PDB file of N, CA and C in Angstrom:
ATOM      1  N   MET A   1      85.430  44.176 -94.602  1.00  0.00           N
ATOM      2  CA  MET A   1      85.493  43.857 -93.176  1.00  0.00           C
ATOM      3  C   MET A   1      84.495  44.714 -92.419  1.00  0.00           C
ATOM      4  N   LYS A   2      83.882  44.137 -91.431  1.00  0.00           N
ATOM      5  CA  LYS A   2      82.918  44.849 -90.601  1.00  0.00           C
ATOM      6  C   LYS A   2      83.634  45.806 -89.660  1.00  0.00           C
ATOM      7  N   LYS A   3      82.962  46.904 -89.381  1.00  0.00           N
ATOM      8  CA  LYS A   3      83.558  47.934 -88.536  1.00  0.00           C
ATOM      9  C   LYS A   3      83.499  47.535 -87.065  1.00  0.00           C
ATOM     10  N   ILE A   4      84.598  47.786 -86.375  1.00  0.00           N
ATOM     11  CA  ILE A   4      84.732  47.476 -84.953  1.00  0.00           C
ATOM     12  C   ILE A   4      84.936  48.783 -84.196  1.00  0.00           C
ATOM     13  N   SER A   5      84.242  48.928 -83.084  1.00  0.00           N
ATOM     14  CA  SER A   5      84.400  50.105 -82.221  1.00  0.00           C
ATOM     15  C   SER A   5      85.082  49.681 -80.928  1.00  0.00           C
ATOM     16  N   LEU A   6      86.234  50.278 -80.651  1.00  0.00           N
ATOM     17  CA  LEU A   6      86.907  50.081 -79.378  1.00  0.00           C
ATOM     18  C   LEU A   6      86.391  51.178 -78.453  1.00  0.00           C
ATOM     19  N   CYS A   7      85.660  50.795 -77.422  1.00  0.00           N
ATOM     20  CA  CYS A   7      85.006  51.765 -76.540  1.00  0.00           C
ATOM     21  C   CYS A   7      85.692  51.775 -75.182  1.00  0.00           C
ATOM     22  N   ILE A   8      86.159  52.963 -74.798  1.00  0.00           N
ATOM     23  CA  ILE A   8      86.949  53.100 -73.579  1.00  0.00           C
ATOM     24  C   ILE A   8      86.331  54.167 -72.679  1.00  0.00           C
ATOM     25  N   PRO A   9      85.688  53.752 -71.580  1.00  0.00           N
ATOM     26  CA  PRO A   9      85.264  54.741 -70.580  1.00  0.00           C
ATOM     27  C   PRO A   9      86.442  55.020 -69.660  1.00  0.00           C
ATOM     28  N   THR A  10      86.600  56.262 -69.255  1.00  0.00           N
ATOM     29  CA  THR A  10      87.740  56.583 -68.393  1.00  0.00           C
ATOM     30  C   THR A  10      87.395  57.690 -67.412  1.00  0.00           C
ATOM     31  N   TYR A  11      88.153  57.719 -66.315  1.00  0.00           N
ATOM     32  CA  TYR A  11      88.023  58.786 -65.325  1.00  0.00           C
ATOM     33  C   TYR A  11      89.281  58.843 -64.472  1.00  0.00           C
ATOM     34  N   ASN A  12      90.039  59.914 -64.581  1.00  0.00           N
ATOM     35  CA  ASN A  12      91.217  60.184 -63.745  1.00  0.00           C
ATOM     36  C   ASN A  12      92.211  59.026 -63.675  1.00  0.00           C
ATOM     37  N   ARG A  13      92.466  58.405 -64.811  1.00  0.00           N
ATOM     38  CA  ARG A  13      93.439  57.313 -64.854  1.00  0.00           C
ATOM     39  C   ARG A  13      94.338  57.503 -66.072  1.00  0.00           C
ATOM     40  N   SER A  14      94.864  58.708 -66.202  1.00  0.00           N
ATOM     41  CA  SER A  14      95.617  59.079 -67.401  1.00  0.00           C
ATOM     42  C   SER A  14      96.835  58.188 -67.638  1.00  0.00           C
ATOM     43  N   THR A  15      97.502  57.768 -66.591  1.00  0.00           N
ATOM     44  CA  THR A  15      98.682  56.908 -66.763  1.00  0.00           C
ATOM     45  C   THR A  15      98.285  55.578 -67.390  1.00  0.00           C
ATOM     46  N   TYR A  16      97.211  54.991 -66.884  1.00  0.00           N
ATOM     47  CA  TYR A  16      96.728  53.731 -67.446  1.00  0.00           C
ATOM     48  C   TYR A  16      96.240  53.934 -68.877  1.00  0.00           C
ATOM     49  N   LEU A  17      95.486  54.999 -69.102  1.00  0.00           N
ATOM     50  CA  LEU A  17      94.970  55.281 -70.435  1.00  0.00           C
ATOM     51  C   LEU A  17      96.121  55.475 -71.424  1.00  0.00           C
ATOM     52  N   ASN A  18      97.170  56.141 -71.006  1.00  0.00           N
ATOM     53  CA  ASN A  18      98.349  56.313 -71.862  1.00  0.00           C
ATOM     54  C   ASN A  18      98.917  54.960 -72.278  1.00  0.00           C
ATOM     55  N   ASN A  19      99.017  54.022 -71.336  1.00  0.00           N
ATOM     56  CA  ASN A  19      99.529  52.690 -71.649  1.00  0.00           C
ATOM     57  C   ASN A  19      98.614  51.973 -72.641  1.00  0.00           C
ATOM     58  N   LEU A  20      97.290  52.079 -72.433  1.00  0.00           N
ATOM     59  CA  LEU A  20      96.345  51.450 -73.347  1.00  0.00           C
ATOM     60  C   LEU A  20      96.462  52.047 -74.743  1.00  0.00           C
ATOM     61  N   LEU A  21      96.474  53.371 -74.845  1.00  0.00           N
ATOM     62  CA  LEU A  21      96.568  54.003 -76.162  1.00  0.00           C
ATOM     63  C   LEU A  21      97.886  53.673 -76.852  1.00  0.00           C
ATOM     64  N   SER A  22      98.935  53.533 -76.078  1.00  0.00           N
ATOM     65  CA  SER A  22     100.219  53.117 -76.637  1.00  0.00           C
ATOM     66  C   SER A  22     100.106  51.715 -77.234  1.00  0.00           C
ATOM     67  N   SER A  23      99.417  50.816 -76.536  1.00  0.00           N
ATOM     68  CA  SER A  23      99.256  49.448 -77.043  1.00  0.00           C
ATOM     69  C   SER A  23      98.337  49.417 -78.266  1.00  0.00           C
ATOM     70  N   ILE A  24      97.342  50.292 -78.309  1.00  0.00           N
ATOM     71  CA  ILE A  24      96.488  50.388 -79.500  1.00  0.00           C
ATOM     72  C   ILE A  24      97.316  50.914 -80.668  1.00  0.00           C
ATOM     73  N   PHE A  25      98.160  51.902 -80.404  1.00  0.00           N
ATOM     74  CA  PHE A  25      99.023  52.445 -81.452  1.00  0.00           C
ATOM     75  C   PHE A  25      99.934  51.367 -82.036  1.00  0.00           C
ATOM     76  N   LEU A  26     100.379  50.430 -81.218  1.00  0.00           N
ATOM     77  CA  LEU A  26     101.210  49.328 -81.718  1.00  0.00           C
ATOM     78  C   LEU A  26     100.430  48.442 -82.690  1.00  0.00           C
ATOM     79  N   ASN A  27      99.109  48.512 -82.656  1.00  0.00           N
ATOM     80  CA  ASN A  27      98.231  47.779 -83.569  1.00  0.00           C
ATOM     81  C   ASN A  27      97.866  48.622 -84.794  1.00  0.00           C
ATOM     82  N   LYS A  28      98.555  49.728 -85.023  1.00  0.00           N
ATOM     83  CA  LYS A  28      98.159  50.706 -86.047  1.00  0.00           C
ATOM     84  C   LYS A  28      97.987  50.111 -87.433  1.00  0.00           C
ATOM     85  N   ASN A  29      98.700  49.054 -87.751  1.00  0.00           N
ATOM     86  CA  ASN A  29      98.568  48.423 -89.065  1.00  0.00           C
ATOM     87  C   ASN A  29      97.235  47.710 -89.249  1.00  0.00           C
ATOM     88  N   TYR A  30      96.503  47.519 -88.169  1.00  0.00           N
ATOM     89  CA  TYR A  30      95.229  46.788 -88.222  1.00  0.00           C
ATOM     90  C   TYR A  30      94.027  47.675 -87.895  1.00  0.00           C
ATOM     91  N   LEU A  31      94.222  48.991 -87.871  1.00  0.00           N
ATOM     92  CA  LEU A  31      93.147  49.888 -87.444  1.00  0.00           C
ATOM     93  C   LEU A  31      92.176  50.278 -88.559  1.00  0.00           C
ATOM     94  N   ARG A  32      92.357  49.731 -89.750  1.00  0.00           N
ATOM     95  CA  ARG A  32      91.384  49.994 -90.817  1.00  0.00           C
ATOM     96  C   ARG A  32      90.043  49.394 -90.399  1.00  0.00           C
ATOM     97  N   ASN A  33      88.983  50.147 -90.557  1.00  0.00           N
ATOM     98  CA  ASN A  33      87.628  49.746 -90.145  1.00  0.00           C
ATOM     99  C   ASN A  33      87.500  49.590 -88.636  1.00  0.00           C
ATOM    100  N   VAL A  34      88.346  50.288 -87.904  1.00  0.00           N
ATOM    101  CA  VAL A  34      88.275  50.292 -86.441  1.00  0.00           C
ATOM    102  C   VAL A  34      88.182  51.745 -85.994  1.00  0.00           C
ATOM    103  N   GLU A  35      87.243  52.018 -85.093  1.00  0.00           N
ATOM    104  CA  GLU A  35      87.167  53.352 -84.505  1.00  0.00           C
ATOM    105  C   GLU A  35      87.458  53.236 -83.014  1.00  0.00           C
ATOM    106  N   ILE A  36      88.059  54.276 -82.480  1.00  0.00           N
ATOM    107  CA  ILE A  36      88.375  54.329 -81.056  1.00  0.00           C
ATOM    108  C   ILE A  36      87.515  55.425 -80.438  1.00  0.00           C
ATOM    109  N   CYS A  37      86.681  55.037 -79.485  1.00  0.00           N
ATOM    110  CA  CYS A  37      85.769  55.969 -78.817  1.00  0.00           C
ATOM    111  C   CYS A  37      86.161  56.053 -77.346  1.00  0.00           C
ATOM    112  N   ILE A  38      86.338  57.268 -76.851  1.00  0.00           N
ATOM    113  CA  ILE A  38      86.692  57.470 -75.448  1.00  0.00           C
ATOM    114  C   ILE A  38      85.698  58.440 -74.826  1.00  0.00           C
ATOM    115  N   SER A  39      85.081  58.009 -73.733  1.00  0.00           N
ATOM    116  CA  SER A  39      84.209  58.880 -72.955  1.00  0.00           C
ATOM    117  C   SER A  39      84.890  59.157 -71.621  1.00  0.00           C
ATOM    118  N   ASP A  40      85.237  60.409 -71.434  1.00  0.00           N
ATOM    119  CA  ASP A  40      85.945  60.864 -70.239  1.00  0.00           C
ATOM    120  C   ASP A  40      84.915  61.408 -69.242  1.00  0.00           C
ATOM    121  N   ASN A  41      84.893  60.827 -68.067  1.00  0.00           N
ATOM    122  CA  ASN A  41      83.887  61.162 -67.061  1.00  0.00           C
ATOM    123  C   ASN A  41      84.285  62.396 -66.250  1.00  0.00           C
ATOM    124  N   ASN A  42      84.728  63.447 -66.975  1.00  0.00           N
ATOM    125  CA  ASN A  42      85.115  64.727 -66.379  1.00  0.00           C
ATOM    126  C   ASN A  42      86.387  64.611 -65.523  1.00  0.00           C
ATOM    127  N   SER A  43      87.400  63.997 -66.097  1.00  0.00           N
ATOM    128  CA  SER A  43      88.681  63.842 -65.399  1.00  0.00           C
ATOM    129  C   SER A  43      89.323  65.187 -65.109  1.00  0.00           C
ATOM    130  N   SER A  44      90.059  65.230 -64.000  1.00  0.00           N
ATOM    131  CA  SER A  44      90.796  66.445 -63.634  1.00  0.00           C
ATOM    132  C   SER A  44      92.311  66.235 -63.752  1.00  0.00           C
ATOM    133  N   ASP A  45      92.729  65.084 -64.273  1.00  0.00           N
ATOM    134  CA  ASP A  45      94.154  64.796 -64.440  1.00  0.00           C
ATOM    135  C   ASP A  45      94.580  65.105 -65.879  1.00  0.00           C
ATOM    136  N   GLU A  46      95.573  64.438 -66.383  1.00  0.00           N
ATOM    137  CA  GLU A  46      96.143  64.703 -67.705  1.00  0.00           C
ATOM    138  C   GLU A  46      95.440  63.949 -68.837  1.00  0.00           C
ATOM    139  N   THR A  47      94.267  63.403 -68.586  1.00  0.00           N
ATOM    140  CA  THR A  47      93.562  62.601 -69.588  1.00  0.00           C
ATOM    141  C   THR A  47      93.398  63.346 -70.911  1.00  0.00           C
ATOM    142  N   SER A  48      92.903  64.563 -70.871  1.00  0.00           N
ATOM    143  CA  SER A  48      92.659  65.326 -72.103  1.00  0.00           C
ATOM    144  C   SER A  48      93.932  65.520 -72.920  1.00  0.00           C
ATOM    145  N   SER A  49      95.031  65.852 -72.264  1.00  0.00           N
ATOM    146  CA  SER A  49      96.272  66.096 -73.007  1.00  0.00           C
ATOM    147  C   SER A  49      96.844  64.803 -73.588  1.00  0.00           C
ATOM    148  N   ILE A  50      96.674  63.700 -72.898  1.00  0.00           N
ATOM    149  CA  ILE A  50      97.145  62.413 -73.428  1.00  0.00           C
ATOM    150  C   ILE A  50      96.348  62.044 -74.673  1.00  0.00           C
ATOM    151  N   ILE A  51      95.039  62.213 -74.602  1.00  0.00           N
ATOM    152  CA  ILE A  51      94.208  61.909 -75.764  1.00  0.00           C
ATOM    153  C   ILE A  51      94.578  62.831 -76.919  1.00  0.00           C
ATOM    154  N   LYS A  52      94.789  64.089 -76.625  1.00  0.00           N
ATOM    155  CA  LYS A  52      95.174  65.054 -77.666  1.00  0.00           C
ATOM    156  C   LYS A  52      96.466  64.621 -78.360  1.00  0.00           C
ATOM    157  N   SER A  53      97.433  64.137 -77.600  1.00  0.00           N
ATOM    158  CA  SER A  53      98.690  63.709 -78.214  1.00  0.00           C
ATOM    159  C   SER A  53      98.500  62.473 -79.093  1.00  0.00           C
ATOM    160  N   TYR A  54      97.628  61.556 -78.699  1.00  0.00           N
ATOM    161  CA  TYR A  54      97.390  60.354 -79.508  1.00  0.00           C
ATOM    162  C   TYR A  54      96.519  60.643 -80.726  1.00  0.00           C
ATOM    163  N   LYS A  55      95.678  61.679 -80.647  1.00  0.00           N
ATOM    164  CA  LYS A  55      94.854  62.037 -81.802  1.00  0.00           C
ATOM    165  C   LYS A  55      95.716  62.480 -82.981  1.00  0.00           C
ATOM    166  N   LYS A  56      96.957  62.850 -82.723  1.00  0.00           N
ATOM    167  CA  LYS A  56      97.887  63.208 -83.796  1.00  0.00           C
ATOM    168  C   LYS A  56      98.399  61.960 -84.520  1.00  0.00           C
ATOM    169  N   LYS A  57      98.294  60.799 -83.867  1.00  0.00           N
ATOM    170  CA  LYS A  57      98.824  59.546 -84.410  1.00  0.00           C
ATOM    171  C   LYS A  57      97.733  58.617 -84.931  1.00  0.00           C
ATOM    172  N   ILE A  58      96.606  58.566 -84.226  1.00  0.00           N
ATOM    173  CA  ILE A  58      95.505  57.670 -84.584  1.00  0.00           C
ATOM    174  C   ILE A  58      94.187  58.421 -84.416  1.00  0.00           C
ATOM    175  N   SER A  59      93.193  57.974 -85.147  1.00  0.00           N
ATOM    176  CA  SER A  59      91.887  58.625 -85.099  1.00  0.00           C
ATOM    177  C   SER A  59      91.148  58.222 -83.818  1.00  0.00           C
ATOM    178  N   ILE A  60      90.706  59.208 -83.063  1.00  0.00           N
ATOM    179  CA  ILE A  60      89.996  58.977 -81.802  1.00  0.00           C
ATOM    180  C   ILE A  60      88.777  59.877 -81.746  1.00  0.00           C
ATOM    181  N   LYS A  61      87.628  59.283 -81.403  1.00  0.00           N
ATOM    182  CA  LYS A  61      86.434  60.057 -81.063  1.00  0.00           C
ATOM    183  C   LYS A  61      86.501  60.284 -79.566  1.00  0.00           C
ATOM    184  N   TYR A  62      86.432  61.530 -79.141  1.00  0.00           N
ATOM    185  CA  TYR A  62      86.602  61.849 -77.719  1.00  0.00           C
ATOM    186  C   TYR A  62      85.480  62.754 -77.245  1.00  0.00           C
ATOM    187  N   LYS A  63      84.912  62.390 -76.117  1.00  0.00           N
ATOM    188  CA  LYS A  63      83.894  63.227 -75.489  1.00  0.00           C
ATOM    189  C   LYS A  63      84.214  63.328 -74.002  1.00  0.00           C
ATOM    190  N   LYS A  64      84.282  64.559 -73.504  1.00  0.00           N
ATOM    191  CA  LYS A  64      84.480  64.781 -72.074  1.00  0.00           C
ATOM    192  C   LYS A  64      83.152  65.229 -71.477  1.00  0.00           C
ATOM    193  N   ASN A  65      82.658  64.462 -70.532  1.00  0.00           N
ATOM    194  CA  ASN A  65      81.396  64.801 -69.880  1.00  0.00           C
ATOM    195  C   ASN A  65      81.554  66.074 -69.058  1.00  0.00           C
ATOM    196  N   LYS A  66      80.509  66.888 -69.010  1.00  0.00           N
ATOM    197  CA  LYS A  66      80.544  68.127 -68.220  1.00  0.00           C
ATOM    198  C   LYS A  66      80.555  67.829 -66.729  1.00  0.00           C
ATOM    199  N   ASN A  67      79.970  66.706 -66.348  1.00  0.00           N
ATOM    200  CA  ASN A  67      79.934  66.260 -64.950  1.00  0.00           C
ATOM    201  C   ASN A  67      80.223  64.775 -64.916  1.00  0.00           C
ATOM    202  N   ASN A  68      80.660  64.282 -63.772  1.00  0.00           N
ATOM    203  CA  ASN A  68      80.845  62.851 -63.598  1.00  0.00           C
ATOM    204  C   ASN A  68      79.464  62.207 -63.526  1.00  0.00           C
ATOM    205  N   ILE A  69      79.177  61.333 -64.474  1.00  0.00           N
ATOM    206  CA  ILE A  69      77.859  60.714 -64.564  1.00  0.00           C
ATOM    207  C   ILE A  69      77.822  59.298 -63.993  1.00  0.00           C
ATOM    208  N   GLY A  70      78.932  58.857 -63.419  1.00  0.00           N
ATOM    209  CA  GLY A  70      79.011  57.507 -62.866  1.00  0.00           C
ATOM    210  C   GLY A  70      79.487  56.516 -63.919  1.00  0.00           C
ATOM    211  N   LEU A  71      80.006  55.392 -63.446  1.00  0.00           N
ATOM    212  CA  LEU A  71      80.596  54.399 -64.343  1.00  0.00           C
ATOM    213  C   LEU A  71      79.576  53.815 -65.310  1.00  0.00           C
ATOM    214  N   ALA A  72      78.439  53.363 -64.812  1.00  0.00           N
ATOM    215  CA  ALA A  72      77.453  52.708 -65.674  1.00  0.00           C
ATOM    216  C   ALA A  72      76.996  53.640 -66.797  1.00  0.00           C
ATOM    217  N   ALA A  73      76.678  54.882 -66.458  1.00  0.00           N
ATOM    218  CA  ALA A  73      76.232  55.843 -67.473  1.00  0.00           C
ATOM    219  C   ALA A  73      77.364  56.178 -68.439  1.00  0.00           C
ATOM    220  N   ASN A  74      78.598  56.195 -67.970  1.00  0.00           N
ATOM    221  CA  ASN A  74      79.730  56.471 -68.850  1.00  0.00           C
ATOM    222  C   ASN A  74      79.948  55.322 -69.834  1.00  0.00           C
ATOM    223  N   ILE A  75      79.706  54.099 -69.398  1.00  0.00           N
ATOM    224  CA  ILE A  75      79.795  52.951 -70.303  1.00  0.00           C
ATOM    225  C   ILE A  75      78.719  53.059 -71.386  1.00  0.00           C
ATOM    226  N   ILE A  76      77.512  53.407 -70.982  1.00  0.00           N
ATOM    227  CA  ILE A  76      76.435  53.605 -71.960  1.00  0.00           C
ATOM    228  C   ILE A  76      76.806  54.742 -72.911  1.00  0.00           C
ATOM    229  N   ASN A  77      77.340  55.817 -72.362  1.00  0.00           N
ATOM    230  CA  ASN A  77      77.735  56.979 -73.160  1.00  0.00           C
ATOM    231  C   ASN A  77      78.752  56.604 -74.231  1.00  0.00           C
ATOM    232  N   VAL A  78      79.794  55.883 -73.846  1.00  0.00           N
ATOM    233  CA  VAL A  78      80.833  55.523 -74.824  1.00  0.00           C
ATOM    234  C   VAL A  78      80.280  54.533 -75.849  1.00  0.00           C
ATOM    235  N   SER A  79      79.373  53.672 -75.437  1.00  0.00           N
ATOM    236  CA  SER A  79      78.758  52.728 -76.376  1.00  0.00           C
ATOM    237  C   SER A  79      77.903  53.458 -77.406  1.00  0.00           C
ATOM    238  N   GLN A  80      77.254  54.525 -76.981  1.00  0.00           N
ATOM    239  CA  GLN A  80      76.426  55.303 -77.897  1.00  0.00           C
ATOM    240  C   GLN A  80      77.260  56.108 -78.894  1.00  0.00           C
ATOM    241  N   MET A  81      78.513  56.332 -78.590  1.00  0.00           N
ATOM    242  CA  MET A  81      79.410  57.014 -79.529  1.00  0.00           C
ATOM    243  C   MET A  81      79.784  56.096 -80.696  1.00  0.00           C
ATOM    244  N   ALA A  82      79.686  54.792 -80.489  1.00  0.00           N
ATOM    245  CA  ALA A  82      80.157  53.797 -81.449  1.00  0.00           C
ATOM    246  C   ALA A  82      79.245  53.705 -82.671  1.00  0.00           C
ATOM    247  N   THR A  83      79.864  53.482 -83.827  1.00  0.00           N
ATOM    248  CA  THR A  83      79.118  53.247 -85.059  1.00  0.00           C
ATOM    249  C   THR A  83      79.446  51.886 -85.660  1.00  0.00           C
ATOM    250  N   GLY A  84      80.289  51.122 -85.000  1.00  0.00           N
ATOM    251  CA  GLY A  84      80.682  49.814 -85.513  1.00  0.00           C
ATOM    252  C   GLY A  84      79.608  48.760 -85.325  1.00  0.00           C
ATOM    253  N   GLU A  85      79.736  47.710 -86.097  1.00  0.00           N
ATOM    254  CA  GLU A  85      78.826  46.572 -85.951  1.00  0.00           C
ATOM    255  C   GLU A  85      79.154  45.790 -84.672  1.00  0.00           C
ATOM    256  N   PHE A  86      80.418  45.853 -84.273  1.00  0.00           N
ATOM    257  CA  PHE A  86      80.870  45.186 -83.058  1.00  0.00           C
ATOM    258  C   PHE A  86      81.479  46.222 -82.118  1.00  0.00           C
ATOM    259  N   ILE A  87      81.229  46.055 -80.832  1.00  0.00           N
ATOM    260  CA  ILE A  87      81.807  46.923 -79.809  1.00  0.00           C
ATOM    261  C   ILE A  87      82.688  46.080 -78.909  1.00  0.00           C
ATOM    262  N   TRP A  88      83.905  46.564 -78.699  1.00  0.00           N
ATOM    263  CA  TRP A  88      84.797  45.946 -77.726  1.00  0.00           C
ATOM    264  C   TRP A  88      84.961  46.971 -76.611  1.00  0.00           C
ATOM    265  N   LEU A  89      84.338  46.692 -75.476  1.00  0.00           N
ATOM    266  CA  LEU A  89      84.448  47.560 -74.311  1.00  0.00           C
ATOM    267  C   LEU A  89      85.765  47.240 -73.619  1.00  0.00           C
ATOM    268  N   ILE A  90      86.642  48.241 -73.550  1.00  0.00           N
ATOM    269  CA  ILE A  90      87.984  48.028 -73.013  1.00  0.00           C
ATOM    270  C   ILE A  90      88.175  48.921 -71.793  1.00  0.00           C
ATOM    271  N   GLY A  91      88.652  48.347 -70.711  1.00  0.00           N
ATOM    272  CA  GLY A  91      88.970  49.123 -69.524  1.00  0.00           C
ATOM    273  C   GLY A  91      90.167  50.017 -69.789  1.00  0.00           C
ATOM    274  N   ASP A  92      90.165  51.211 -69.207  1.00  0.00           N
ATOM    275  CA  ASP A  92      91.275  52.139 -69.443  1.00  0.00           C
ATOM    276  C   ASP A  92      92.592  51.627 -68.882  1.00  0.00           C
ATOM    277  N   ASP A  93      92.540  50.589 -68.054  1.00  0.00           N
ATOM    278  CA  ASP A  93      93.767  50.013 -67.499  1.00  0.00           C
ATOM    279  C   ASP A  93      94.180  48.717 -68.197  1.00  0.00           C
ATOM    280  N   ASP A  94      93.525  48.391 -69.317  1.00  0.00           N
ATOM    281  CA  ASP A  94      93.891  47.210 -70.087  1.00  0.00           C
ATOM    282  C   ASP A  94      95.016  47.548 -71.061  1.00  0.00           C
ATOM    283  N   ILE A  95      95.676  46.520 -71.549  1.00  0.00           N
ATOM    284  CA  ILE A  95      96.733  46.673 -72.553  1.00  0.00           C
ATOM    285  C   ILE A  95      96.517  45.598 -73.604  1.00  0.00           C
ATOM    286  N   LEU A  96      96.607  45.984 -74.876  1.00  0.00           N
ATOM    287  CA  LEU A  96      96.440  45.038 -75.972  1.00  0.00           C
ATOM    288  C   LEU A  96      97.789  44.470 -76.391  1.00  0.00           C
ATOM    289  N   PHE A  97      97.790  43.215 -76.837  1.00  0.00           N
ATOM    290  CA  PHE A  97      98.973  42.653 -77.474  1.00  0.00           C
ATOM    291  C   PHE A  97      99.131  43.322 -78.835  1.00  0.00           C
ATOM    292  N   LYS A  98     100.328  43.235 -79.404  1.00  0.00           N
ATOM    293  CA  LYS A  98     100.584  43.933 -80.667  1.00  0.00           C
ATOM    294  C   LYS A  98      99.784  43.375 -81.834  1.00  0.00           C
ATOM    295  N   ASP A  99      99.154  42.215 -81.663  1.00  0.00           N
ATOM    296  CA  ASP A  99      98.330  41.658 -82.739  1.00  0.00           C
ATOM    297  C   ASP A  99      96.885  41.408 -82.290  1.00  0.00           C
ATOM    298  N   SER A 100      96.464  42.037 -81.205  1.00  0.00           N
ATOM    299  CA  SER A 100      95.119  41.804 -80.671  1.00  0.00           C
ATOM    300  C   SER A 100      94.027  42.142 -81.678  1.00  0.00           C
ATOM    301  N   ILE A 101      94.148  43.260 -82.346  1.00  0.00           N
ATOM    302  CA  ILE A 101      93.102  43.671 -83.283  1.00  0.00           C
ATOM    303  C   ILE A 101      93.105  42.760 -84.510  1.00  0.00           C
ATOM    304  N   LYS A 102      94.276  42.347 -84.954  1.00  0.00           N
ATOM    305  CA  LYS A 102      94.365  41.395 -86.068  1.00  0.00           C
ATOM    306  C   LYS A 102      93.657  40.099 -85.686  1.00  0.00           C
ATOM    307  N   ARG A 103      93.910  39.612 -84.491  1.00  0.00           N
ATOM    308  CA  ARG A 103      93.257  38.370 -84.031  1.00  0.00           C
ATOM    309  C   ARG A 103      91.745  38.536 -83.943  1.00  0.00           C
ATOM    310  N   LEU A 104      91.300  39.684 -83.442  1.00  0.00           N
ATOM    311  CA  LEU A 104      89.870  39.944 -83.342  1.00  0.00           C
ATOM    312  C   LEU A 104      89.230  39.965 -84.727  1.00  0.00           C
ATOM    313  N   LYS A 105      89.863  40.633 -85.658  1.00  0.00           N
ATOM    314  CA  LYS A 105      89.336  40.676 -87.035  1.00  0.00           C
ATOM    315  C   LYS A 105      89.278  39.272 -87.645  1.00  0.00           C
ATOM    316  N   ASN A 106      90.307  38.470 -87.425  1.00  0.00           N
ATOM    317  CA  ASN A 106      90.312  37.107 -87.933  1.00  0.00           C
ATOM    318  C   ASN A 106      89.207  36.277 -87.302  1.00  0.00           C
ATOM    319  N   LEU A 107      88.975  36.471 -86.020  1.00  0.00           N
ATOM    320  CA  LEU A 107      87.916  35.748 -85.326  1.00  0.00           C
ATOM    321  C   LEU A 107      86.539  36.111 -85.901  1.00  0.00           C
ATOM    322  N   ILE A 108      86.318  37.386 -86.125  1.00  0.00           N
ATOM    323  CA  ILE A 108      85.052  37.837 -86.706  1.00  0.00           C
ATOM    324  C   ILE A 108      84.884  37.293 -88.124  1.00  0.00           C
ATOM    325  N   ALA A 109      85.953  37.355 -88.914  1.00  0.00           N
ATOM    326  CA  ALA A 109      85.879  36.889 -90.296  1.00  0.00           C
ATOM    327  C   ALA A 109      85.625  35.380 -90.385  1.00  0.00           C
ATOM    328  N   SER A 110      86.153  34.624 -89.439  1.00  0.00           N
ATOM    329  CA  SER A 110      85.995  33.167 -89.483  1.00  0.00           C
ATOM    330  C   SER A 110      84.690  32.685 -88.843  1.00  0.00           C
ATOM    331  N   ASN A 111      83.925  33.619 -88.278  1.00  0.00           N
ATOM    332  CA  ASN A 111      82.637  33.273 -87.670  1.00  0.00           C
ATOM    333  C   ASN A 111      81.548  34.249 -88.144  1.00  0.00           C
ATOM    334  N   PRO A 112      81.192  34.153 -89.426  1.00  0.00           N
ATOM    335  CA  PRO A 112      80.272  35.145 -89.990  1.00  0.00           C
ATOM    336  C   PRO A 112      78.867  35.103 -89.384  1.00  0.00           C
ATOM    337  N   GLY A 113      78.503  34.025 -88.771  1.00  0.00           N
ATOM    338  CA  GLY A 113      77.138  33.909 -88.177  1.00  0.00           C
ATOM    339  C   GLY A 113      77.069  34.574 -86.857  1.00  0.00           C
TER     340      GLY A 113
END
């Protein structure tokens, strides 16, 4: 299976990010060949501690910017962290269904071109 990168730019939205990471965790059976990349735009809320708690459960690449670089640059930043053949840019306020990653993998597998 081809590697998929879930790329999440975030800034001071720890509550939303917690919900998203919880929904990704519900997909844990499908996370093989999936990497989770989070670029934090120098949040001052609980973002770092939430990511730290989820890193104990699932593998996460995390980078906290030294300064807020703006949304567009943060999206580029998180995309550059990715090593997958496919990137799924996910808003920190999105929530995945419990089979979203399985469906995505099936879609990729059924459309090799």
